Amino acid sequence: MKITILGSGTSQGVPVIACDCDVCSSLDWRDQRLRVSVYIEINDNYFVIDTGPDFRTQMLRNRITKLDAVLFTHEHKDHTAGMDDLRSFNFKLQKDIPIYARESVMEQLKQEFAYIFVAKDKKYPGVLNIEEHLIENKIFQINNINILPIEGLHYKLPVFGFRIEDFIYLTDVNFVNEVEKQKMKNAKVLIVGALQKEEHISHFTLSQAIDFIQELQPEKAYITHISHKMGKQMDVEKELPANIFLAYDGLEIHL
């Protein structure tokens, strides 16, 4: 399995528009973060988790030409806004693109992209064609690949992370109950979101994410969904335990 970090930044990305802080002014390319997303390659299957506003740039920058499905964690715009650009894969692959989301997320997508969710015989030519797949908090399959949802809370909003074999991706949470934590045991790689060092209403802080990782004890863990308030990559990584790393755009992880 190969995981590519397409974006490791929070909703505004880094640098933030009109900000001249040390992080936003950094010349270290690792401090330049597109909105959060990952690309997963496993057994000739190719999945994207979330299509944020930078989806087009991420596909082009990473030269991605294969896509079997999209999984959505939740309905916030920094995770959904780029869905329209999936239509390029309609033309490339000559098929509808399967999307997997819980019912509340699918309903939000239908509001934001109403023109996509109409009958094909009424669609404007060239509009994205998708296959809708509703998921719940139970295991499901895409092309014989088992995918296990893991539910957390983003303040009061339910969010899905996903476990695929020994890999777990979970972002935009600040609470995970004990039942869901049991699904996360014995992982080789865990990617988890942490926004900044200061307390936040809906995201793990860096110290909370470290505690969470150390409780679950994966072999390796990576922090994502990082804001400019976290600090520079080169400084923060010196503060981390030996098996915990800051993710950065373009990072490739192999299992």
Protein backbone atom coordinates (compact mmCIF):
# COMPACT_ATOMS: atom_id res chain seq x y z
CA MET A 1 0.00 0.00 0.00
CA LYS A 2 1.14 3.51 -0.82
CA ILE A 3 -0.32 6.67 0.69
CA THR A 4 0.39 10.09 -0.77
CA ILE A 5 -0.33 13.22 1.26
CA LEU A 6 -2.09 15.45 -1.27
CA GLY A 7 -2.63 18.21 1.26
CA SER A 8 -1.70 18.63 4.92
CA GLY A 9 -3.19 22.05 5.65
CA THR A 10 -6.25 23.34 7.42
CA SER A 11 -9.26 25.10 5.87
CA GLN A 12 -7.35 28.25 4.89
CA GLY A 13 -4.26 26.42 3.72
CA VAL A 14 -0.73 27.68 4.40
CA PRO A 15 0.31 30.35 3.62
CA VAL A 16 -2.89 32.12 4.67
CA ILE A 17 -4.07 34.93 2.41
CA ALA A 18 -2.73 38.33 3.54
CA CYS A 19 -0.72 36.83 6.43
CA ASP A 20 2.96 37.70 6.86
CA CYS A 21 3.72 35.55 9.92
CA ASP A 22 6.95 33.53 10.07
CA VAL A 23 5.23 30.35 8.91
CA CYS A 24 3.38 31.97 6.00
CA SER A 25 6.63 33.69 4.98
CA SER A 26 8.73 30.53 5.31
CA LEU A 27 10.95 29.51 2.41
CA ASP A 28 10.72 25.85 3.47
CA TRP A 29 8.44 24.23 0.89
CA ARG A 30 7.13 21.85 3.56
CA ASP A 31 5.41 24.84 5.21
CA GLN A 32 3.26 25.36 2.12
CA ARG A 33 0.16 23.28 2.72
CA LEU A 34 -2.84 22.67 0.47
CA ARG A 35 -6.16 21.64 2.00
CA VAL A 36 -6.14 18.19 3.55
CA SER A 37 -6.53 15.04 1.44
CA VAL A 38 -4.81 11.70 0.77
CA TYR A 39 -4.45 9.31 -2.17
CA ILE A 40 -4.32 5.58 -1.45
CA GLU A 41 -3.00 2.89 -3.79
CA ILE A 42 -3.71 -0.71 -2.77
CA ASN A 43 -3.86 -3.89 -4.89
CA ASP A 44 -4.46 -1.94 -8.11
CA ASN A 45 -7.18 0.12 -6.44
CA TYR A 46 -6.95 3.90 -6.18
CA PHE A 47 -8.90 5.96 -3.65
CA VAL A 48 -9.02 9.62 -2.68
CA ILE A 49 -10.23 10.75 0.72
CA ASP A 50 -11.92 14.17 0.36
CA THR A 51 -11.97 16.59 -2.57
CA GLY A 52 -11.14 19.98 -1.11
CA PRO A 53 -10.75 23.31 -2.94
CA ASP A 54 -7.25 22.32 -4.09
CA PHE A 55 -8.30 19.00 -5.63
CA ARG A 56 -7.44 20.01 -9.22
CA THR A 57 -3.98 21.23 -8.23
CA GLN A 58 -3.38 18.07 -6.21
CA MET A 59 -4.29 15.79 -9.10
CA LEU A 60 -2.04 17.68 -11.51
CA ARG A 61 0.88 18.10 -9.12
CA ASN A 62 0.94 14.39 -8.28
CA ARG A 63 0.22 13.27 -11.86
CA ILE A 64 -2.74 11.16 -10.77
CA THR A 65 -4.54 9.42 -13.63
CA LYS A 66 -6.29 6.54 -11.85
CA LEU A 67 -9.25 6.76 -9.49
CA ASP A 68 -11.66 4.04 -8.39
CA ALA A 69 -13.58 5.88 -5.66
CA VAL A 70 -13.80 8.94 -3.44
CA LEU A 71 -14.49 8.71 0.29
CA PHE A 72 -15.76 11.73 2.20
CA THR A 73 -15.01 12.30 5.88
CA HIS A 74 -17.58 15.07 6.40
CA GLU A 75 -19.37 17.93 4.73
CA HIS A 76 -17.20 20.98 5.37
CA LYS A 77 -16.14 22.92 2.28
CA ASP A 78 -12.41 22.36 2.75
CA HIS A 79 -13.18 18.65 2.24
CA THR A 80 -15.80 18.83 -0.52
CA ALA A 81 -15.42 22.02 -2.59
CA GLY A 82 -13.41 20.43 -5.41
CA MET A 83 -15.82 17.61 -6.21
CA ASP A 84 -16.78 19.10 -9.59
CA ASP A 85 -13.24 18.49 -10.87
CA LEU A 86 -13.84 14.75 -10.64
CA ARG A 87 -15.47 15.10 -14.06
CA SER A 88 -12.05 14.89 -15.70
CA PHE A 89 -11.99 11.26 -14.56
CA ASN A 90 -15.34 10.66 -16.26
CA PHE A 91 -13.67 11.53 -19.56
CA LYS A 92 -10.36 9.80 -18.80
CA LEU A 93 -11.80 6.55 -17.42
CA GLN A 94 -15.07 6.51 -19.37
CA LYS A 95 -17.12 5.70 -16.27
CA ASP A 96 -19.14 7.28 -13.49
CA ILE A 97 -17.08 8.02 -10.37
CA PRO A 98 -18.24 6.24 -7.20
CA ILE A 99 -18.48 8.46 -4.12
CA TYR A 100 -18.92 7.11 -0.59
CA ALA A 101 -20.41 9.25 2.17
CA ARG A 102 -22.78 9.11 5.11
CA GLU A 103 -26.32 10.32 4.46
CA SER A 104 -25.87 13.78 6.01
CA VAL A 105 -22.77 14.39 3.87
CA MET A 106 -24.52 13.22 0.72
CA GLU A 107 -27.41 15.58 1.42
CA GLN A 108 -25.01 18.49 1.80
CA LEU A 109 -23.30 17.57 -1.47
CA LYS A 110 -26.69 17.56 -3.16
CA GLN A 111 -27.30 21.10 -1.95
CA GLU A 112 -23.91 22.39 -3.02
CA PHE A 113 -23.75 20.52 -6.34
CA ALA A 114 -27.43 20.20 -7.21
CA TYR A 115 -26.68 20.18 -10.96
CA ILE A 116 -24.67 16.95 -10.53
CA PHE A 117 -27.45 15.04 -8.79
CA VAL A 118 -30.07 15.25 -11.52
CA ALA A 119 -31.17 12.55 -13.92
CA LYS A 120 -28.67 12.00 -16.72
CA ASP A 121 -31.23 12.75 -19.41
CA LYS A 122 -31.71 16.22 -17.88
CA LYS A 123 -28.05 17.04 -17.26
CA TYR A 124 -26.11 19.74 -19.02
CA PRO A 125 -23.51 18.05 -21.29
CA GLY A 126 -20.19 17.43 -19.59
CA VAL A 127 -21.46 17.66 -16.01
CA LEU A 128 -19.90 15.18 -13.58
CA ASN A 129 -21.49 11.73 -13.43
CA ILE A 130 -21.20 9.86 -10.14
CA GLU A 131 -22.38 6.72 -8.41
CA GLU A 132 -23.82 7.42 -4.95
CA HIS A 133 -22.96 5.01 -2.15
CA LEU A 134 -24.31 5.70 1.32
CA ILE A 135 -22.16 4.38 4.15
CA GLU A 136 -22.83 3.87 7.84
CA ASN A 137 -20.58 3.16 10.77
CA LYS A 138 -19.90 -0.40 9.72
CA ILE A 139 -17.43 -2.10 7.42
CA PHE A 140 -17.98 -1.87 3.67
CA GLN A 141 -16.10 -2.93 0.54
CA ILE A 142 -14.84 -1.21 -2.58
CA ASN A 143 -13.60 -3.71 -5.17
CA ASN A 144 -13.03 -6.35 -2.46
CA ILE A 145 -11.03 -3.90 -0.31
CA ASN A 146 -12.42 -3.77 3.24
CA ILE A 147 -12.88 -0.27 4.60
CA LEU A 148 -13.75 0.28 8.25
CA PRO A 149 -15.23 3.66 9.23
CA ILE A 150 -14.08 5.19 12.51
CA GLU A 151 -16.33 7.87 13.93
CA GLY A 152 -15.12 10.90 15.84
CA LEU A 153 -16.59 14.27 16.74
CA HIS A 154 -15.59 17.57 15.17
CA TYR A 155 -17.06 19.57 18.06
CA LYS A 156 -20.62 18.22 17.68
CA LEU A 157 -20.38 17.14 14.04
CA PRO A 158 -19.87 13.41 13.38
CA VAL A 159 -16.86 12.72 11.16
CA PHE A 160 -15.68 9.48 9.59
CA GLY A 161 -12.10 8.38 9.51
CA PHE A 162 -11.22 5.19 7.66
CA ARG A 163 -9.11 2.12 8.34
CA ILE A 164 -7.77 0.11 5.39
CA GLU A 165 -5.78 -2.89 6.57
CA ASP A 166 -3.08 -1.47 8.88
CA PHE A 167 -3.52 2.15 7.76
CA ILE A 168 -5.82 4.65 9.52
CA TYR A 169 -6.76 8.17 8.45
CA LEU A 170 -8.66 10.37 10.90
CA THR A 171 -8.78 14.15 10.77
CA ASP A 172 -10.99 17.03 11.98
CA VAL A 173 -11.78 15.51 15.36
CA ASN A 174 -11.26 16.37 18.98
CA PHE A 175 -13.05 13.38 20.51
CA VAL A 176 -13.13 9.65 19.79
CA ASN A 177 -14.99 7.30 22.12
CA GLU A 178 -13.59 4.07 23.52
CA VAL A 179 -15.57 1.82 21.15
CA GLU A 180 -14.14 3.60 18.11
CA LYS A 181 -10.64 3.57 19.59
CA GLN A 182 -10.76 -0.21 19.70
CA LYS A 183 -11.01 -0.20 15.89
CA MET A 184 -7.71 1.65 15.77
CA LYS A 185 -5.54 -0.79 17.69
CA ASN A 186 -2.49 -2.47 16.15
CA ALA A 187 -2.12 -0.07 13.23
CA LYS A 188 1.15 0.32 11.40
CA VAL A 189 0.44 3.88 10.25
CA LEU A 190 -1.97 6.41 11.72
CA ILE A 191 -2.58 9.83 10.21
CA VAL A 192 -4.46 12.15 12.58
CA GLY A 193 -5.32 15.83 12.49
CA ALA A 194 -3.93 18.45 14.86
CA LEU A 195 -4.59 22.08 14.12
CA GLN A 196 -2.27 24.02 16.40
CA LYS A 197 -0.70 24.05 19.86
CA GLU A 198 -3.39 26.14 21.54
CA GLU A 199 -6.78 24.78 22.64
CA HIS A 200 -9.43 24.63 19.90
CA ILE A 201 -13.16 23.94 20.00
CA SER A 202 -13.23 21.26 17.31
CA HIS A 203 -9.69 20.00 16.58
CA PHE A 204 -7.02 18.16 18.52
CA THR A 205 -4.13 20.33 19.62
CA LEU A 206 -0.65 18.99 18.99
CA SER A 207 -0.29 17.72 22.57
CA GLN A 208 -3.74 16.10 22.48
CA ALA A 209 -2.89 14.36 19.21
CA ILE A 210 0.38 13.09 20.67
CA ASP A 211 -1.46 11.71 23.71
CA PHE A 212 -4.03 10.10 21.42
CA ILE A 213 -1.31 8.49 19.30
CA GLN A 214 0.60 7.22 22.32
CA GLU A 215 -2.58 5.68 23.72
CA LEU A 216 -3.20 3.77 20.47
CA GLN A 217 0.49 2.90 19.89
CA PRO A 218 0.72 2.62 16.10
CA GLU A 219 4.15 1.86 14.68
CA LYS A 220 4.26 5.33 13.09
CA ALA A 221 1.98 8.34 13.11
CA TYR A 222 1.74 11.53 11.09
CA ILE A 223 0.08 14.82 12.00
CA THR A 224 -2.04 16.53 9.32
CA HIS A 225 -4.63 19.34 8.96
CA ILE A 226 -1.97 21.77 10.19
CA SER A 227 -2.49 25.54 10.49
CA HIS A 228 0.05 28.33 10.34
CA LYS A 229 -0.33 28.64 14.13
CA MET A 230 1.40 25.27 14.60
CA GLY A 231 4.82 26.67 13.76
CA LYS A 232 7.44 25.86 11.15
CA GLN A 233 7.95 22.26 10.07
CA MET A 234 11.66 22.29 11.00
CA ASP A 235 10.92 23.55 14.52
CA VAL A 236 7.88 21.43 15.37
CA GLU A 237 9.38 18.16 14.19
CA LYS A 238 12.17 18.58 16.79
CA GLU A 239 9.52 18.52 19.53
CA LEU A 240 7.92 15.23 18.49
CA PRO A 241 8.47 11.70 19.84
CA ALA A 242 10.59 9.39 17.71
CA ASN A 243 7.71 7.67 15.89
CA ILE A 244 5.54 10.78 15.29
CA PHE A 245 6.06 13.11 12.34
CA LEU A 246 4.51 16.19 10.79
CA ALA A 247 3.05 15.34 7.42
CA TYR A 248 3.77 17.59 4.46
CA ASP A 249 2.37 17.86 0.95
CA GLY A 250 3.81 15.24 -1.37
CA LEU A 251 4.92 12.89 1.42
CA GLU A 252 4.72 9.23 0.36
CA ILE A 253 4.17 6.52 2.96
CA HIS A 254 4.67 2.84 2.10
CA LEU A 255 3.25 -0.10 4.02
